[in-house]
């Protein structure tokens, strides 16, 4: 039998990374758009980040930078003694969206398809 490919993969650098799916993002419908949650992982998390993250997240519709997603967070989370961050992005429309996360001098960019 043919080996199956993983549905999720890590993207980023050793300083900042997240987990993405190979499939289009199916956002949860809300009154203001389609909402998707994302984890953000950081190496050498500093104590002050347990209250406020240095990660800055933005997103806009590919080809239409005036149409922006609403970003909530990132907020600190902890699972099994491991700290990371979570954020929620609410996309006002379906389509291709560019997501940018910045941490100090590190930038992570990717484009995703968001569907209903």
PDB file of N, CA and C in Angstrom:
ATOM      1  N   UNK A   1       0.835  -1.184   0.000  1.00  0.00           N
ATOM      2  CA  UNK A   1       0.000   0.000   0.000  1.00  0.00           C
ATOM      3  C   UNK A   1       0.881   1.249   0.000  1.00  0.00           C
ATOM      4  N   UNK A   2       0.329   2.302  -0.519  1.00  0.00           N
ATOM      5  CA  UNK A   2       1.044   3.579  -0.624  1.00  0.00           C
ATOM      6  C   UNK A   2       1.083   4.273   0.740  1.00  0.00           C
ATOM      7  N   UNK A   3       2.281   4.751   1.171  1.00  0.00           N
ATOM      8  CA  UNK A   3       2.323   5.445   2.468  1.00  0.00           C
ATOM      9  C   UNK A   3       1.538   6.749   2.402  1.00  0.00           C
ATOM     10  N   UNK A   4       0.840   7.049   3.488  1.00  0.00           N
ATOM     11  CA  UNK A   4       0.045   8.271   3.502  1.00  0.00           C
ATOM     12  C   UNK A   4       0.912   9.472   3.875  1.00  0.00           C
ATOM     13  N   UNK A   5       0.570  10.617   3.305  1.00  0.00           N
ATOM     14  CA  UNK A   5       1.281  11.854   3.623  1.00  0.00           C
ATOM     15  C   UNK A   5       0.632  12.478   4.846  1.00  0.00           C
ATOM     16  N   UNK A   6       1.429  13.123   5.669  1.00  0.00           N
ATOM     17  CA  UNK A   6       0.825  13.789   6.827  1.00  0.00           C
ATOM     18  C   UNK A   6      -0.063  14.939   6.360  1.00  0.00           C
ATOM     19  N   UNK A   7      -1.154  15.173   7.086  1.00  0.00           N
ATOM     20  CA  UNK A   7      -2.062  16.250   6.737  1.00  0.00           C
ATOM     21  C   UNK A   7      -1.553  17.595   7.229  1.00  0.00           C
ATOM     22  N   UNK A   8      -0.644  17.594   8.201  1.00  0.00           N
ATOM     23  CA  UNK A   8      -0.128  18.832   8.779  1.00  0.00           C
ATOM     24  C   UNK A   8       1.392  18.837   8.700  1.00  0.00           C
ATOM     25  N   UNK A   9       1.952  20.048   8.663  1.00  0.00           N
ATOM     26  CA  UNK A   9       3.403  20.156   8.626  1.00  0.00           C
ATOM     27  C   UNK A   9       3.826  21.451   9.315  1.00  0.00           C
ATOM     28  N   UNK A  10       5.066  21.468   9.787  1.00  0.00           N
ATOM     29  CA  UNK A  10       5.634  22.658  10.418  1.00  0.00           C
ATOM     30  C   UNK A  10       6.205  23.566   9.339  1.00  0.00           C
ATOM     31  N   UNK A  11       6.061  24.885   9.533  1.00  0.00           N
ATOM     32  CA  UNK A  11       6.623  25.857   8.619  1.00  0.00           C
ATOM     33  C   UNK A  11       7.232  26.988   9.449  1.00  0.00           C
ATOM     34  N   UNK A  12       8.383  27.473   9.013  1.00  0.00           N
ATOM     35  CA  UNK A  12       9.040  28.566   9.713  1.00  0.00           C
ATOM     36  C   UNK A  12      10.521  28.307   9.848  1.00  0.00           C
ATOM     37  N   UNK A  13      11.085  28.830  10.917  1.00  0.00           N
ATOM     38  CA  UNK A  13      12.509  28.682  11.188  1.00  0.00           C
ATOM     39  C   UNK A  13      12.684  28.107  12.581  1.00  0.00           C
ATOM     40  N   UNK A  14      13.924  27.904  12.980  1.00  0.00           N
ATOM     41  CA  UNK A  14      14.135  27.376  14.322  1.00  0.00           C
ATOM     42  C   UNK A  14      13.801  28.402  15.400  1.00  0.00           C
ATOM     43  N   UNK A  15      13.593  29.675  15.013  1.00  0.00           N
ATOM     44  CA  UNK A  15      13.245  30.712  15.984  1.00  0.00           C
ATOM     45  C   UNK A  15      11.731  30.911  16.120  1.00  0.00           C
ATOM     46  N   UNK A  16      10.987  30.767  15.016  1.00  0.00           N
ATOM     47  CA  UNK A  16       9.534  30.982  15.003  1.00  0.00           C
ATOM     48  C   UNK A  16       8.910  30.043  13.984  1.00  0.00           C
ATOM     49  N   UNK A  17       7.909  29.263  14.414  1.00  0.00           N
ATOM     50  CA  UNK A  17       7.253  28.357  13.481  1.00  0.00           C
ATOM     51  C   UNK A  17       5.809  28.113  13.902  1.00  0.00           C
ATOM     52  N   UNK A  18       5.038  27.554  12.955  1.00  0.00           N
ATOM     53  CA  UNK A  18       3.647  27.201  13.208  1.00  0.00           C
ATOM     54  C   UNK A  18       3.358  25.865  12.520  1.00  0.00           C
ATOM     55  N   UNK A  19       2.126  25.413  12.631  1.00  0.00           N
ATOM     56  CA  UNK A  19       1.685  24.161  12.011  1.00  0.00           C
ATOM     57  C   UNK A  19       0.582  24.502  11.026  1.00  0.00           C
ATOM     58  N   UNK A  20       0.716  24.019   9.791  1.00  0.00           N
ATOM     59  CA  UNK A  20      -0.287  24.260   8.763  1.00  0.00           C
ATOM     60  C   UNK A  20      -0.829  22.944   8.232  1.00  0.00           C
ATOM     61  N   UNK A  21      -1.959  23.037   7.573  1.00  0.00           N
ATOM     62  CA  UNK A  21      -2.573  21.888   6.922  1.00  0.00           C
ATOM     63  C   UNK A  21      -2.335  21.988   5.428  1.00  0.00           C
ATOM     64  N   UNK A  22      -2.271  20.856   4.744  1.00  0.00           N
ATOM     65  CA  UNK A  22      -2.139  20.861   3.295  1.00  0.00           C
ATOM     66  C   UNK A  22      -3.449  21.232   2.618  1.00  0.00           C
ATOM     67  N   UNK A  23      -4.515  21.211   3.341  1.00  0.00           N
ATOM     68  CA  UNK A  23      -5.833  21.517   2.784  1.00  0.00           C
ATOM     69  C   UNK A  23      -6.169  22.995   2.993  1.00  0.00           C
ATOM     70  N   UNK A  24      -7.132  23.523   2.220  1.00  0.00           N
ATOM     71  CA  UNK A  24      -7.585  24.896   2.491  1.00  0.00           C
ATOM     72  C   UNK A  24      -8.118  25.001   3.918  1.00  0.00           C
ATOM     73  N   UNK A  25      -7.964  26.168   4.509  1.00  0.00           N
ATOM     74  CA  UNK A  25      -8.475  26.379   5.864  1.00  0.00           C
ATOM     75  C   UNK A  25      -9.982  26.505   5.804  1.00  0.00           C
ATOM     76  N   UNK A  26     -10.671  25.681   6.575  1.00  0.00           N
ATOM     77  CA  UNK A  26     -12.113  25.814   6.692  1.00  0.00           C
ATOM     78  C   UNK A  26     -12.372  26.629   7.943  1.00  0.00           C
ATOM     79  N   UNK A  27     -12.698  27.893   7.737  1.00  0.00           N
ATOM     80  CA  UNK A  27     -12.946  28.776   8.859  1.00  0.00           C
ATOM     81  C   UNK A  27     -14.283  28.491   9.501  1.00  0.00           C
ATOM     82  N   UNK A  28     -14.361  28.748  10.797  1.00  0.00           N
ATOM     83  CA  UNK A  28     -15.614  28.626  11.527  1.00  0.00           C
ATOM     84  C   UNK A  28     -16.398  29.913  11.265  1.00  0.00           C
ATOM     85  N   UNK A  29     -17.618  29.807  10.711  1.00  0.00           N
ATOM     86  CA  UNK A  29     -18.382  31.021  10.416  1.00  0.00           C
ATOM     87  C   UNK A  29     -18.719  31.803  11.679  1.00  0.00           C
ATOM     88  N   UNK A  30     -18.500  33.120  11.632  1.00  0.00           N
ATOM     89  CA  UNK A  30     -18.875  34.052  12.693  1.00  0.00           C
ATOM     90  C   UNK A  30     -19.631  35.199  12.024  1.00  0.00           C
ATOM     91  N   UNK A  31     -20.251  36.092  12.797  1.00  0.00           N
ATOM     92  CA  UNK A  31     -20.940  37.233  12.170  1.00  0.00           C
ATOM     93  C   UNK A  31     -20.014  38.136  11.351  1.00  0.00           C
ATOM     94  N   UNK A  32     -18.688  38.104  11.639  1.00  0.00           N
ATOM     95  CA  UNK A  32     -17.768  39.000  10.922  1.00  0.00           C
ATOM     96  C   UNK A  32     -16.865  38.291   9.922  1.00  0.00           C
ATOM     97  N   UNK A  33     -16.998  36.965   9.778  1.00  0.00           N
ATOM     98  CA  UNK A  33     -16.169  36.258   8.810  1.00  0.00           C
ATOM     99  C   UNK A  33     -15.893  34.833   9.217  1.00  0.00           C
ATOM    100  N   UNK A  34     -14.803  34.291   8.685  1.00  0.00           N
ATOM    101  CA  UNK A  34     -14.410  32.908   8.937  1.00  0.00           C
ATOM    102  C   UNK A  34     -13.221  32.902   9.895  1.00  0.00           C
ATOM    103  N   UNK A  35     -13.346  32.232  11.033  1.00  0.00           N
ATOM    104  CA  UNK A  35     -12.343  32.267  12.105  1.00  0.00           C
ATOM    105  C   UNK A  35     -11.512  30.997  12.102  1.00  0.00           C
ATOM    106  N   UNK A  36     -10.179  31.176  12.200  1.00  0.00           N
ATOM    107  CA  UNK A  36      -9.231  30.062  12.235  1.00  0.00           C
ATOM    108  C   UNK A  36      -8.249  30.308  13.381  1.00  0.00           C
ATOM    109  N   UNK A  37      -7.938  29.264  14.144  1.00  0.00           N
ATOM    110  CA  UNK A  37      -6.947  29.377  15.227  1.00  0.00           C
ATOM    111  C   UNK A  37      -5.607  28.814  14.766  1.00  0.00           C
ATOM    112  N   UNK A  38      -4.524  29.428  15.253  1.00  0.00           N
ATOM    113  CA  UNK A  38      -3.165  28.998  14.904  1.00  0.00           C
ATOM    114  C   UNK A  38      -2.283  28.942  16.135  1.00  0.00           C
ATOM    115  N   UNK A  39      -1.417  27.925  16.233  1.00  0.00           N
ATOM    116  CA  UNK A  39      -0.393  27.925  17.285  1.00  0.00           C
ATOM    117  C   UNK A  39       0.879  28.589  16.752  1.00  0.00           C
ATOM    118  N   UNK A  40       1.643  29.210  17.628  1.00  0.00           N
ATOM    119  CA  UNK A  40       2.930  29.818  17.277  1.00  0.00           C
ATOM    120  C   UNK A  40       3.951  29.331  18.285  1.00  0.00           C
ATOM    121  N   UNK A  41       5.060  28.830  17.795  1.00  0.00           N
ATOM    122  CA  UNK A  41       6.104  28.272  18.647  1.00  0.00           C
ATOM    123  C   UNK A  41       7.348  29.143  18.566  1.00  0.00           C
ATOM    124  N   UNK A  42       7.968  29.386  19.703  1.00  0.00           N
ATOM    125  CA  UNK A  42       9.124  30.269  19.808  1.00  0.00           C
ATOM    126  C   UNK A  42      10.205  29.562  20.614  1.00  0.00           C
ATOM    127  N   UNK A  43      11.453  29.664  20.146  1.00  0.00           N
ATOM    128  CA  UNK A  43      12.582  29.108  20.887  1.00  0.00           C
ATOM    129  C   UNK A  43      12.982  30.104  21.968  1.00  0.00           C
ATOM    130  N   UNK A  44      13.383  29.615  23.120  1.00  0.00           N
ATOM    131  CA  UNK A  44      13.866  30.451  24.219  1.00  0.00           C
ATOM    132  C   UNK A  44      12.857  31.515  24.617  1.00  0.00           C
ATOM    133  N   UNK A  45      11.658  31.071  24.931  1.00  0.00           N
ATOM    134  CA  UNK A  45      10.608  31.969  25.400  1.00  0.00           C
ATOM    135  C   UNK A  45      11.091  32.696  26.654  1.00  0.00           C
ATOM    136  N   UNK A  46      11.013  34.015  26.664  1.00  0.00           N
ATOM    137  CA  UNK A  46      11.470  34.766  27.825  1.00  0.00           C
ATOM    138  C   UNK A  46      10.320  34.969  28.801  1.00  0.00           C
ATOM    139  N   UNK A  47      10.652  35.157  30.067  1.00  0.00           N
ATOM    140  CA  UNK A  47       9.659  35.237  31.134  1.00  0.00           C
ATOM    141  C   UNK A  47       8.577  36.279  30.851  1.00  0.00           C
ATOM    142  N   UNK A  48       8.959  37.451  30.346  1.00  0.00           N
ATOM    143  CA  UNK A  48       7.971  38.510  30.111  1.00  0.00           C
ATOM    144  C   UNK A  48       6.954  38.122  29.043  1.00  0.00           C
ATOM    145  N   UNK A  49       7.295  37.180  28.169  1.00  0.00           N
ATOM    146  CA  UNK A  49       6.363  36.764  27.129  1.00  0.00           C
ATOM    147  C   UNK A  49       5.236  35.898  27.664  1.00  0.00           C
ATOM    148  N   UNK A  50       5.347  35.451  28.888  1.00  0.00           N
ATOM    149  CA  UNK A  50       4.245  34.693  29.456  1.00  0.00           C
ATOM    150  C   UNK A  50       3.048  35.601  29.713  1.00  0.00           C
ATOM    151  N   UNK A  51       3.268  36.917  29.683  1.00  0.00           N
ATOM    152  CA  UNK A  51       2.187  37.876  29.829  1.00  0.00           C
ATOM    153  C   UNK A  51       1.840  38.508  28.486  1.00  0.00           C
ATOM    154  N   UNK A  52       2.850  38.921  27.719  1.00  0.00           N
ATOM    155  CA  UNK A  52       2.612  39.572  26.438  1.00  0.00           C
ATOM    156  C   UNK A  52       3.642  39.114  25.417  1.00  0.00           C
ATOM    157  N   UNK A  53       3.162  38.649  24.272  1.00  0.00           N
ATOM    158  CA  UNK A  53       4.045  38.124  23.229  1.00  0.00           C
ATOM    159  C   UNK A  53       4.705  39.245  22.434  1.00  0.00           C
ATOM    160  N   UNK A  54       5.899  38.959  21.936  1.00  0.00           N
ATOM    161  CA  UNK A  54       6.584  39.878  21.014  1.00  0.00           C
ATOM    162  C   UNK A  54       6.200  39.586  19.564  1.00  0.00           C
ATOM    163  N   UNK A  55       5.425  38.552  19.327  1.00  0.00           N
ATOM    164  CA  UNK A  55       5.014  38.213  17.967  1.00  0.00           C
ATOM    165  C   UNK A  55       3.950  39.202  17.501  1.00  0.00           C
ATOM    166  N   UNK A  56       4.129  39.733  16.291  1.00  0.00           N
ATOM    167  CA  UNK A  56       3.146  40.629  15.679  1.00  0.00           C
ATOM    168  C   UNK A  56       2.611  39.918  14.436  1.00  0.00           C
ATOM    169  N   UNK A  57       1.296  39.743  14.377  1.00  0.00           N
ATOM    170  CA  UNK A  57       0.669  38.996  13.293  1.00  0.00           C
ATOM    171  C   UNK A  57      -0.222  39.936  12.479  1.00  0.00           C
ATOM    172  N   UNK A  58      -0.138  39.807  11.161  1.00  0.00           N
ATOM    173  CA  UNK A  58      -1.033  40.549  10.276  1.00  0.00           C
ATOM    174  C   UNK A  58      -1.432  39.645   9.122  1.00  0.00           C
ATOM    175  N   UNK A  59      -2.528  39.993   8.469  1.00  0.00           N
ATOM    176  CA  UNK A  59      -2.987  39.189   7.340  1.00  0.00           C
ATOM    177  C   UNK A  59      -3.883  40.036   6.451  1.00  0.00           C
ATOM    178  N   UNK A  60      -3.722  39.862   5.138  1.00  0.00           N
ATOM    179  CA  UNK A  60      -4.594  40.536   4.186  1.00  0.00           C
ATOM    180  C   UNK A  60      -4.870  39.628   3.018  1.00  0.00           C
ATOM    181  N   UNK A  61      -5.953  39.972   2.321  1.00  0.00           N
ATOM    182  CA  UNK A  61      -6.347  39.170   1.168  1.00  0.00           C
ATOM    183  C   UNK A  61      -5.289  39.332   0.087  1.00  0.00           C
ATOM    184  N   UNK A  62      -4.844  38.211  -0.465  1.00  0.00           N
ATOM    185  CA  UNK A  62      -3.781  38.222  -1.464  1.00  0.00           C
ATOM    186  C   UNK A  62      -4.210  39.071  -2.654  1.00  0.00           C
ATOM    187  N   UNK A  63      -3.395  40.044  -2.999  1.00  0.00           N
ATOM    188  CA  UNK A  63      -3.710  40.938  -4.103  1.00  0.00           C
ATOM    189  C   UNK A  63      -4.576  42.122  -3.711  1.00  0.00           C
ATOM    190  N   UNK A  64      -5.092  42.148  -2.478  1.00  0.00           N
ATOM    191  CA  UNK A  64      -5.939  43.249  -1.997  1.00  0.00           C
ATOM    192  C   UNK A  64      -5.519  43.639  -0.577  1.00  0.00           C
ATOM    193  N   UNK A  65      -4.382  44.314  -0.423  1.00  0.00           N
ATOM    194  CA  UNK A  65      -3.872  44.598   0.928  1.00  0.00           C
ATOM    195  C   UNK A  65      -4.790  45.468   1.778  1.00  0.00           C
ATOM    196  N   UNK A  66      -5.789  46.104   1.163  1.00  0.00           N
ATOM    197  CA  UNK A  66      -6.717  46.918   1.958  1.00  0.00           C
ATOM    198  C   UNK A  66      -7.743  46.059   2.707  1.00  0.00           C
ATOM    199  N   UNK A  67      -7.917  44.797   2.301  1.00  0.00           N
ATOM    200  CA  UNK A  67      -8.849  43.886   2.980  1.00  0.00           C
ATOM    201  C   UNK A  67      -8.040  43.064   3.980  1.00  0.00           C
ATOM    202  N   UNK A  68      -8.238  43.328   5.254  1.00  0.00           N
ATOM    203  CA  UNK A  68      -7.426  42.706   6.305  1.00  0.00           C
ATOM    204  C   UNK A  68      -8.247  41.761   7.175  1.00  0.00           C
ATOM    205  N   UNK A  69      -7.554  40.776   7.707  1.00  0.00           N
ATOM    206  CA  UNK A  69      -8.170  39.867   8.673  1.00  0.00           C
ATOM    207  C   UNK A  69      -8.044  40.479  10.064  1.00  0.00           C
ATOM    208  N   UNK A  70      -8.994  40.180  10.920  1.00  0.00           N
ATOM    209  CA  UNK A  70      -8.920  40.595  12.322  1.00  0.00           C
ATOM    210  C   UNK A  70      -8.052  39.566  13.053  1.00  0.00           C
ATOM    211  N   UNK A  71      -7.094  40.046  13.842  1.00  0.00           N
ATOM    212  CA  UNK A  71      -6.185  39.157  14.562  1.00  0.00           C
ATOM    213  C   UNK A  71      -6.429  39.300  16.061  1.00  0.00           C
ATOM    214  N   UNK A  72      -6.665  38.170  16.729  1.00  0.00           N
ATOM    215  CA  UNK A  72      -6.780  38.136  18.189  1.00  0.00           C
ATOM    216  C   UNK A  72      -5.545  37.437  18.729  1.00  0.00           C
ATOM    217  N   UNK A  73      -4.833  38.074  19.627  1.00  0.00           N
ATOM    218  CA  UNK A  73      -3.651  37.467  20.213  1.00  0.00           C
ATOM    219  C   UNK A  73      -2.404  37.929  19.504  1.00  0.00           C
ATOM    220  N   UNK A  74      -1.335  37.218  19.686  1.00  0.00           N
ATOM    221  CA  UNK A  74      -1.246  35.894  20.300  1.00  0.00           C
ATOM    222  C   UNK A  74      -1.288  35.949  21.830  1.00  0.00           C
ATOM    223  N   UNK A  75      -1.783  34.855  22.379  1.00  0.00           N
ATOM    224  CA  UNK A  75      -1.882  34.685  23.824  1.00  0.00           C
ATOM    225  C   UNK A  75      -1.059  33.473  24.238  1.00  0.00           C
ATOM    226  N   UNK A  76      -0.474  33.539  25.416  1.00  0.00           N
ATOM    227  CA  UNK A  76       0.334  32.437  25.917  1.00  0.00           C
ATOM    228  C   UNK A  76      -0.555  31.242  26.234  1.00  0.00           C
ATOM    229  N   UNK A  77      -0.057  30.048  25.921  1.00  0.00           N
ATOM    230  CA  UNK A  77      -0.745  28.800  26.242  1.00  0.00           C
ATOM    231  C   UNK A  77       0.295  27.821  26.776  1.00  0.00           C
ATOM    232  N   UNK A  78      -0.164  26.834  27.503  1.00  0.00           N
ATOM    233  CA  UNK A  78       0.760  25.850  28.067  1.00  0.00           C
ATOM    234  C   UNK A  78       0.109  24.464  28.000  1.00  0.00           C
ATOM    235  N   UNK A  79       0.863  23.512  27.438  1.00  0.00           N
ATOM    236  CA  UNK A  79       0.416  22.120  27.377  1.00  0.00           C
ATOM    237  C   UNK A  79       1.609  21.255  27.773  1.00  0.00           C
ATOM    238  N   UNK A  80       1.416  20.408  28.758  1.00  0.00           N
ATOM    239  CA  UNK A  80       2.464  19.469  29.191  1.00  0.00           C
ATOM    240  C   UNK A  80       3.801  20.177  29.433  1.00  0.00           C
ATOM    241  N   UNK A  81       3.780  21.241  30.204  1.00  0.00           N
ATOM    242  CA  UNK A  81       4.990  21.997  30.558  1.00  0.00           C
ATOM    243  C   UNK A  81       5.682  22.637  29.350  1.00  0.00           C
ATOM    244  N   UNK A  82       4.962  22.818  28.246  1.00  0.00           N
ATOM    245  CA  UNK A  82       5.538  23.468  27.078  1.00  0.00           C
ATOM    246  C   UNK A  82       4.735  24.732  26.776  1.00  0.00           C
ATOM    247  N   UNK A  83       5.424  25.869  26.721  1.00  0.00           N
ATOM    248  CA  UNK A  83       4.775  27.139  26.428  1.00  0.00           C
ATOM    249  C   UNK A  83       4.777  27.402  24.925  1.00  0.00           C
ATOM    250  N   UNK A  84       3.686  27.958  24.440  1.00  0.00           N
ATOM    251  CA  UNK A  84       3.587  28.407  23.054  1.00  0.00           C
ATOM    252  C   UNK A  84       2.526  29.490  23.026  1.00  0.00           C
ATOM    253  N   UNK A  85       2.203  29.988  21.850  1.00  0.00           N
ATOM    254  CA  UNK A  85       1.199  31.029  21.720  1.00  0.00           C
ATOM    255  C   UNK A  85       0.078  30.560  20.819  1.00  0.00           C
ATOM    256  N   UNK A  86      -1.102  31.140  21.022  1.00  0.00           N
ATOM    257  CA  UNK A  86      -2.219  30.875  20.136  1.00  0.00           C
ATOM    258  C   UNK A  86      -2.773  32.209  19.639  1.00  0.00           C
ATOM    259  N   UNK A  87      -3.300  32.191  18.439  1.00  0.00           N
ATOM    260  CA  UNK A  87      -3.972  33.371  17.908  1.00  0.00           C
ATOM    261  C   UNK A  87      -5.181  32.901  17.108  1.00  0.00           C
ATOM    262  N   UNK A  88      -6.101  33.824  16.909  1.00  0.00           N
ATOM    263  CA  UNK A  88      -7.259  33.560  16.055  1.00  0.00           C
ATOM    264  C   UNK A  88      -7.299  34.642  14.994  1.00  0.00           C
ATOM    265  N   UNK A  89      -7.507  34.227  13.766  1.00  0.00           N
ATOM    266  CA  UNK A  89      -7.640  35.168  12.653  1.00  0.00           C
ATOM    267  C   UNK A  89      -9.052  35.023  12.108  1.00  0.00           C
ATOM    268  N   UNK A  90      -9.734  36.156  11.922  1.00  0.00           N
ATOM    269  CA  UNK A  90     -11.066  36.147  11.337  1.00  0.00           C
ATOM    270  C   UNK A  90     -10.976  36.815   9.971  1.00  0.00           C
ATOM    271  N   UNK A  91     -11.213  36.025   8.934  1.00  0.00           N
ATOM    272  CA  UNK A  91     -11.117  36.475   7.556  1.00  0.00           C
ATOM    273  C   UNK A  91     -12.504  36.924   7.094  1.00  0.00           C
ATOM    274  N   UNK A  92     -12.650  38.177   6.641  1.00  0.00           N
ATOM    275  CA  UNK A  92     -13.978  38.663   6.263  1.00  0.00           C
ATOM    276  C   UNK A  92     -14.548  38.011   5.013  1.00  0.00           C
ATOM    277  N   UNK A  93     -13.692  37.387   4.176  1.00  0.00           N
ATOM    278  CA  UNK A  93     -14.165  36.729   2.955  1.00  0.00           C
ATOM    279  C   UNK A  93     -13.352  35.457   2.717  1.00  0.00           C
ATOM    280  N   UNK A  94     -13.880  34.612   1.868  1.00  0.00           N
ATOM    281  CA  UNK A  94     -13.108  33.472   1.403  1.00  0.00           C
ATOM    282  C   UNK A  94     -12.026  33.985   0.459  1.00  0.00           C
ATOM    283  N   UNK A  95     -11.063  33.132   0.146  1.00  0.00           N
ATOM    284  CA  UNK A  95     -10.043  33.494  -0.824  1.00  0.00           C
ATOM    285  C   UNK A  95      -8.652  33.148  -0.348  1.00  0.00           C
ATOM    286  N   UNK A  96      -7.648  33.648  -1.073  1.00  0.00           N
ATOM    287  CA  UNK A  96      -6.245  33.438  -0.702  1.00  0.00           C
ATOM    288  C   UNK A  96      -5.798  34.592   0.181  1.00  0.00           C
ATOM    289  N   UNK A  97      -5.173  34.252   1.285  1.00  0.00           N
ATOM    290  CA  UNK A  97      -4.757  35.241   2.277  1.00  0.00           C
ATOM    291  C   UNK A  97      -3.285  35.072   2.593  1.00  0.00           C
ATOM    292  N   UNK A  98      -2.582  36.188   2.688  1.00  0.00           N
ATOM    293  CA  UNK A  98      -1.194  36.173   3.137  1.00  0.00           C
ATOM    294  C   UNK A  98      -1.189  36.421   4.632  1.00  0.00           C
ATOM    295  N   UNK A  99      -0.447  35.599   5.360  1.00  0.00           N
ATOM    296  CA  UNK A  99      -0.307  35.739   6.812  1.00  0.00           C
ATOM    297  C   UNK A  99       1.165  36.030   7.086  1.00  0.00           C
ATOM    298  N   UNK A 100       1.421  37.034   7.909  1.00  0.00           N
ATOM    299  CA  UNK A 100       2.790  37.398   8.268  1.00  0.00           C
ATOM    300  C   UNK A 100       2.902  37.438   9.788  1.00  0.00           C
ATOM    301  N   UNK A 101       3.897  36.749  10.309  1.00  0.00           N
ATOM    302  CA  UNK A 101       4.209  36.796  11.736  1.00  0.00           C
ATOM    303  C   UNK A 101       5.638  37.315  11.869  1.00  0.00           C
ATOM    304  N   UNK A 102       5.821  38.319  12.731  1.00  0.00           N
ATOM    305  CA  UNK A 102       7.153  38.884  12.951  1.00  0.00           C
ATOM    306  C   UNK A 102       7.515  38.745  14.418  1.00  0.00           C
ATOM    307  N   UNK A 103       8.753  38.340  14.640  1.00  0.00           N
ATOM    308  CA  UNK A 103       9.320  38.239  15.985  1.00  0.00           C
ATOM    309  C   UNK A 103      10.726  38.802  15.906  1.00  0.00           C
ATOM    310  N   UNK A 104      10.914  39.992  16.461  1.00  0.00           N
ATOM    311  CA  UNK A 104      12.211  40.676  16.377  1.00  0.00           C
ATOM    312  C   UNK A 104      12.634  40.767  14.906  1.00  0.00           C
ATOM    313  N   UNK A 105      13.761  40.164  14.546  1.00  0.00           N
ATOM    314  CA  UNK A 105      14.251  40.242  13.168  1.00  0.00           C
ATOM    315  C   UNK A 105      13.852  39.039  12.319  1.00  0.00           C
ATOM    316  N   UNK A 106      12.963  38.201  12.831  1.00  0.00           N
ATOM    317  CA  UNK A 106      12.506  37.012  12.105  1.00  0.00           C
ATOM    318  C   UNK A 106      11.109  37.253  11.556  1.00  0.00           C
ATOM    319  N   UNK A 107      10.890  36.871  10.290  1.00  0.00           N
ATOM    320  CA  UNK A 107       9.582  37.026   9.669  1.00  0.00           C
ATOM    321  C   UNK A 107       9.172  35.705   9.040  1.00  0.00           C
ATOM    322  N   UNK A 108       7.933  35.314   9.267  1.00  0.00           N
ATOM    323  CA  UNK A 108       7.367  34.097   8.691  1.00  0.00           C
ATOM    324  C   UNK A 108       6.182  34.525   7.833  1.00  0.00           C
ATOM    325  N   UNK A 109       6.207  34.202   6.535  1.00  0.00           N
ATOM    326  CA  UNK A 109       5.125  34.543   5.597  1.00  0.00           C
ATOM    327  C   UNK A 109       4.631  33.281   4.915  1.00  0.00           C
ATOM    328  N   UNK A 110       3.321  33.211   4.743  1.00  0.00           N
ATOM    329  CA  UNK A 110       2.758  32.127   3.950  1.00  0.00           C
ATOM    330  C   UNK A 110       1.402  32.563   3.402  1.00  0.00           C
ATOM    331  N   UNK A 111       0.937  31.876   2.370  1.00  0.00           N
ATOM    332  CA  UNK A 111      -0.353  32.163   1.751  1.00  0.00           C
ATOM    333  C   UNK A 111      -1.224  30.923   1.928  1.00  0.00           C
ATOM    334  N   UNK A 112      -2.477  31.151   2.347  1.00  0.00           N
ATOM    335  CA  UNK A 112      -3.402  30.046   2.550  1.00  0.00           C
ATOM    336  C   UNK A 112      -4.722  30.336   1.829  1.00  0.00           C
ATOM    337  N   UNK A 113      -5.420  29.271   1.476  1.00  0.00           N
ATOM    338  CA  UNK A 113      -6.767  29.395   0.924  1.00  0.00           C
ATOM    339  C   UNK A 113      -7.745  29.217   2.062  1.00  0.00           C
ATOM    340  N   UNK A 114      -8.674  30.160   2.213  1.00  0.00           N
ATOM    341  CA  UNK A 114      -9.688  30.106   3.260  1.00  0.00           C
ATOM    342  C   UNK A 114     -11.027  29.868   2.579  1.00  0.00           C
ATOM    343  N   UNK A 115     -11.733  28.822   3.032  1.00  0.00           N
ATOM    344  CA  UNK A 115     -13.049  28.501   2.459  1.00  0.00           C
ATOM    345  C   UNK A 115     -14.071  28.370   3.574  1.00  0.00           C
ATOM    346  N   UNK A 116     -15.310  28.393   3.186  1.00  0.00           N
ATOM    347  CA  UNK A 116     -16.410  28.239   4.134  1.00  0.00           C
ATOM    348  C   UNK A 116     -16.638  26.782   4.424  1.00  0.00           C
TER     349      UNK A 116
END
